Amino acid sequence: MQVDVHRGRLNIAGRIREIVAVLDKSSGNVVAGKKKPRIVKPAVIARVVVELEREVPLEGGARVVLRCDGETVAAGLLE
């Protein structure tokens, strides 16, 4: 899926390369049987791999927003 990654004034094109796992909201642990999911439903927490068009200076723990076609599709923290 093609996305735009937003961090403050930074806006860079990228794509979601892989959905790694669905996580439990309270503990952050991987939900049993939810490794390598194909989709993520609204209000569900997931770990994803995003491939950017070019290298940019981002640090772990930074908050980012993923947008597609002008709509926010995800928000989260960098690892």
N, C-alpha and C. Protein backbone atom coordinates (compact mmCIF):
# COMPACT_ATOMS: atom_id res chain seq x y z
N MET A 1 0.84 -1.17 0.00
CA MET A 1 0.00 0.00 0.00
C MET A 1 0.89 1.24 0.00
N GLN A 2 0.64 2.16 -0.90
CA GLN A 2 1.37 3.42 -0.96
C GLN A 2 0.88 4.35 0.15
N VAL A 3 1.80 4.99 0.86
CA VAL A 3 1.46 5.92 1.94
C VAL A 3 2.40 7.12 1.91
N ASP A 4 1.97 8.19 2.56
CA ASP A 4 2.83 9.33 2.84
C ASP A 4 3.12 9.30 4.32
N VAL A 5 4.40 9.40 4.69
CA VAL A 5 4.80 9.39 6.09
C VAL A 5 5.00 10.84 6.52
N HIS A 6 4.32 11.22 7.60
CA HIS A 6 4.39 12.59 8.12
C HIS A 6 5.02 12.57 9.51
N ARG A 7 6.00 13.44 9.69
CA ARG A 7 6.66 13.63 10.99
C ARG A 7 6.98 15.11 11.08
N GLY A 8 6.18 15.87 11.83
CA GLY A 8 6.38 17.32 11.88
C GLY A 8 6.22 17.89 10.48
N ARG A 9 7.22 18.62 10.01
CA ARG A 9 7.18 19.18 8.65
C ARG A 9 7.62 18.19 7.58
N LEU A 10 8.18 17.07 8.00
CA LEU A 10 8.64 16.05 7.07
C LEU A 10 7.46 15.32 6.44
N ASN A 11 7.50 15.18 5.15
CA ASN A 11 6.48 14.44 4.41
C ASN A 11 7.21 13.69 3.31
N ILE A 12 7.21 12.35 3.39
CA ILE A 12 7.93 11.55 2.41
C ILE A 12 7.07 10.37 1.96
N ALA A 13 7.16 10.05 0.69
CA ALA A 13 6.41 8.92 0.14
C ALA A 13 7.06 7.60 0.55
N GLY A 14 6.23 6.61 0.72
CA GLY A 14 6.71 5.28 1.06
C GLY A 14 5.63 4.27 0.78
N ARG A 15 5.87 3.04 1.21
CA ARG A 15 4.84 2.02 1.07
C ARG A 15 4.95 1.04 2.22
N ILE A 16 3.81 0.51 2.62
CA ILE A 16 3.80 -0.51 3.66
C ILE A 16 4.25 -1.80 2.99
N ARG A 17 5.42 -2.27 3.39
CA ARG A 17 6.01 -3.45 2.77
C ARG A 17 5.48 -4.73 3.41
N GLU A 18 5.22 -4.67 4.74
CA GLU A 18 4.84 -5.89 5.44
C GLU A 18 4.07 -5.55 6.71
N ILE A 19 3.05 -6.33 7.01
CA ILE A 19 2.38 -6.27 8.30
C ILE A 19 2.96 -7.42 9.11
N VAL A 20 3.74 -7.09 10.12
CA VAL A 20 4.49 -8.10 10.86
C VAL A 20 3.61 -8.87 11.84
N ALA A 21 2.80 -8.14 12.64
CA ALA A 21 1.98 -8.81 13.65
C ALA A 21 0.92 -7.86 14.17
N VAL A 22 -0.14 -8.45 14.74
CA VAL A 22 -1.16 -7.69 15.46
C VAL A 22 -0.80 -7.76 16.93
N LEU A 23 -0.91 -6.63 17.63
CA LEU A 23 -0.49 -6.56 19.03
C LEU A 23 -1.67 -6.35 19.97
N ASP A 24 -1.53 -6.83 21.21
CA ASP A 24 -2.51 -6.62 22.25
C ASP A 24 -2.41 -5.17 22.73
N LYS A 25 -3.54 -4.48 22.85
CA LYS A 25 -3.54 -3.06 23.21
C LYS A 25 -2.96 -2.80 24.59
N SER A 26 -3.22 -3.67 25.55
CA SER A 26 -2.78 -3.40 26.93
C SER A 26 -1.33 -3.80 27.19
N SER A 27 -0.89 -4.92 26.62
CA SER A 27 0.47 -5.41 26.92
C SER A 27 1.48 -5.13 25.82
N GLY A 28 1.02 -4.96 24.57
CA GLY A 28 1.94 -4.78 23.46
C GLY A 28 2.52 -6.08 22.93
N ASN A 29 2.08 -7.21 23.49
CA ASN A 29 2.56 -8.51 23.03
C ASN A 29 1.82 -8.93 21.77
N VAL A 30 2.46 -9.80 21.00
CA VAL A 30 1.85 -10.32 19.77
C VAL A 30 0.65 -11.18 20.16
N VAL A 31 -0.48 -10.94 19.51
CA VAL A 31 -1.69 -11.73 19.74
C VAL A 31 -1.50 -13.10 19.13
N ALA A 32 -1.79 -14.14 19.89
CA ALA A 32 -1.61 -15.52 19.41
C ALA A 32 -2.38 -15.74 18.11
N GLY A 33 -1.72 -16.33 17.14
CA GLY A 33 -2.34 -16.61 15.86
C GLY A 33 -2.44 -15.41 14.93
N LYS A 34 -1.84 -14.29 15.32
CA LYS A 34 -1.95 -13.08 14.50
C LYS A 34 -0.60 -12.65 13.92
N LYS A 35 0.31 -13.58 13.75
CA LYS A 35 1.56 -13.26 13.08
C LYS A 35 1.32 -13.27 11.58
N LYS A 36 1.92 -12.35 10.87
CA LYS A 36 1.81 -12.21 9.42
C LYS A 36 0.35 -12.04 8.96
N PRO A 37 -0.40 -11.11 9.57
CA PRO A 37 -1.78 -10.89 9.10
C PRO A 37 -1.78 -10.22 7.73
N ARG A 38 -2.88 -10.36 7.00
CA ARG A 38 -3.00 -9.78 5.66
C ARG A 38 -3.63 -8.40 5.71
N ILE A 39 -4.51 -8.16 6.70
CA ILE A 39 -5.16 -6.86 6.85
C ILE A 39 -5.17 -6.47 8.33
N VAL A 40 -5.38 -5.17 8.57
CA VAL A 40 -5.51 -4.67 9.94
C VAL A 40 -6.82 -3.89 9.99
N LYS A 41 -7.71 -4.30 10.88
CA LYS A 41 -9.00 -3.64 11.01
C LYS A 41 -8.85 -2.33 11.79
N PRO A 42 -9.81 -1.41 11.63
CA PRO A 42 -9.76 -0.14 12.39
C PRO A 42 -9.68 -0.40 13.89
N ALA A 43 -8.95 0.47 14.59
CA ALA A 43 -8.78 0.43 16.05
C ALA A 43 -7.94 -0.76 16.53
N VAL A 44 -7.23 -1.44 15.63
CA VAL A 44 -6.36 -2.55 15.99
C VAL A 44 -4.92 -2.06 15.90
N ILE A 45 -4.10 -2.53 16.83
CA ILE A 45 -2.68 -2.14 16.85
C ILE A 45 -1.86 -3.20 16.13
N ALA A 46 -0.97 -2.74 15.25
CA ALA A 46 -0.15 -3.68 14.49
C ALA A 46 1.27 -3.13 14.34
N ARG A 47 2.18 -4.05 14.12
CA ARG A 47 3.57 -3.69 13.81
C ARG A 47 3.73 -3.85 12.30
N VAL A 48 4.17 -2.77 11.62
CA VAL A 48 4.32 -2.81 10.17
C VAL A 48 5.72 -2.34 9.77
N VAL A 49 6.14 -2.74 8.58
CA VAL A 49 7.40 -2.30 8.00
C VAL A 49 7.05 -1.35 6.87
N VAL A 50 7.57 -0.11 6.95
CA VAL A 50 7.33 0.88 5.92
C VAL A 50 8.65 1.17 5.21
N GLU A 51 8.64 1.05 3.90
CA GLU A 51 9.83 1.33 3.08
C GLU A 51 9.68 2.74 2.50
N LEU A 52 10.66 3.60 2.77
CA LEU A 52 10.62 4.99 2.31
C LEU A 52 11.32 5.14 0.97
N GLU A 53 10.91 6.17 0.21
CA GLU A 53 11.51 6.45 -1.10
C GLU A 53 12.99 6.80 -0.99
N ARG A 54 13.35 7.50 0.08
CA ARG A 54 14.75 7.90 0.28
C ARG A 54 15.05 7.92 1.76
N GLU A 55 16.32 8.00 2.10
CA GLU A 55 16.72 8.02 3.51
C GLU A 55 16.37 9.37 4.12
N VAL A 56 15.87 9.32 5.35
CA VAL A 56 15.55 10.53 6.10
C VAL A 56 15.98 10.34 7.54
N PRO A 57 16.28 11.44 8.24
CA PRO A 57 16.73 11.34 9.63
C PRO A 57 15.56 11.17 10.59
N LEU A 58 15.27 9.94 10.98
CA LEU A 58 14.22 9.65 11.96
C LEU A 58 14.82 8.81 13.08
N GLU A 59 14.36 9.03 14.31
CA GLU A 59 14.87 8.29 15.45
C GLU A 59 13.78 7.39 16.04
N GLY A 60 14.19 6.30 16.66
CA GLY A 60 13.25 5.43 17.34
C GLY A 60 12.48 6.20 18.40
N GLY A 61 11.22 5.88 18.56
CA GLY A 61 10.38 6.56 19.53
C GLY A 61 9.65 7.77 18.97
N ALA A 62 10.02 8.20 17.76
CA ALA A 62 9.38 9.35 17.14
C ALA A 62 7.96 8.96 16.70
N ARG A 63 7.04 9.90 16.83
CA ARG A 63 5.65 9.67 16.41
C ARG A 63 5.52 10.03 14.93
N VAL A 64 4.82 9.18 14.19
CA VAL A 64 4.58 9.42 12.77
C VAL A 64 3.11 9.17 12.44
N VAL A 65 2.68 9.73 11.33
CA VAL A 65 1.33 9.52 10.82
C VAL A 65 1.46 9.01 9.40
N LEU A 66 0.70 7.99 9.05
CA LEU A 66 0.67 7.45 7.69
C LEU A 66 -0.64 7.88 7.06
N ARG A 67 -0.54 8.49 5.86
CA ARG A 67 -1.73 8.96 5.15
C ARG A 67 -1.75 8.37 3.75
N CYS A 68 -2.95 8.15 3.23
CA CYS A 68 -3.13 7.63 1.88
C CYS A 68 -4.31 8.36 1.26
N ASP A 69 -4.09 8.96 0.11
CA ASP A 69 -5.15 9.70 -0.60
C ASP A 69 -5.80 10.76 0.29
N GLY A 70 -4.99 11.44 1.09
CA GLY A 70 -5.49 12.53 1.93
C GLY A 70 -6.16 12.10 3.22
N GLU A 71 -6.21 10.81 3.51
CA GLU A 71 -6.82 10.31 4.74
C GLU A 71 -5.78 9.65 5.62
N THR A 72 -5.89 9.86 6.93
CA THR A 72 -5.00 9.20 7.88
C THR A 72 -5.40 7.73 7.97
N VAL A 73 -4.42 6.85 7.75
CA VAL A 73 -4.69 5.41 7.83
C VAL A 73 -4.02 4.78 9.04
N ALA A 74 -3.03 5.49 9.63
CA ALA A 74 -2.37 4.95 10.81
C ALA A 74 -1.56 6.04 11.49
N ALA A 75 -1.31 5.85 12.77
CA ALA A 75 -0.43 6.72 13.54
C ALA A 75 0.29 5.84 14.53
N GLY A 76 1.53 6.18 14.82
CA GLY A 76 2.26 5.33 15.75
C GLY A 76 3.66 5.79 16.04
N LEU A 77 4.45 4.89 16.62
CA LEU A 77 5.82 5.15 17.03
C LEU A 77 6.79 4.36 16.18
N LEU A 78 7.96 4.94 15.94
CA LEU A 78 9.03 4.23 15.23
C LEU A 78 9.80 3.34 16.20
N GLU A 79 10.22 2.21 15.73
CA GLU A 79 11.08 1.33 16.54
C GLU A 79 12.50 1.46 16.05
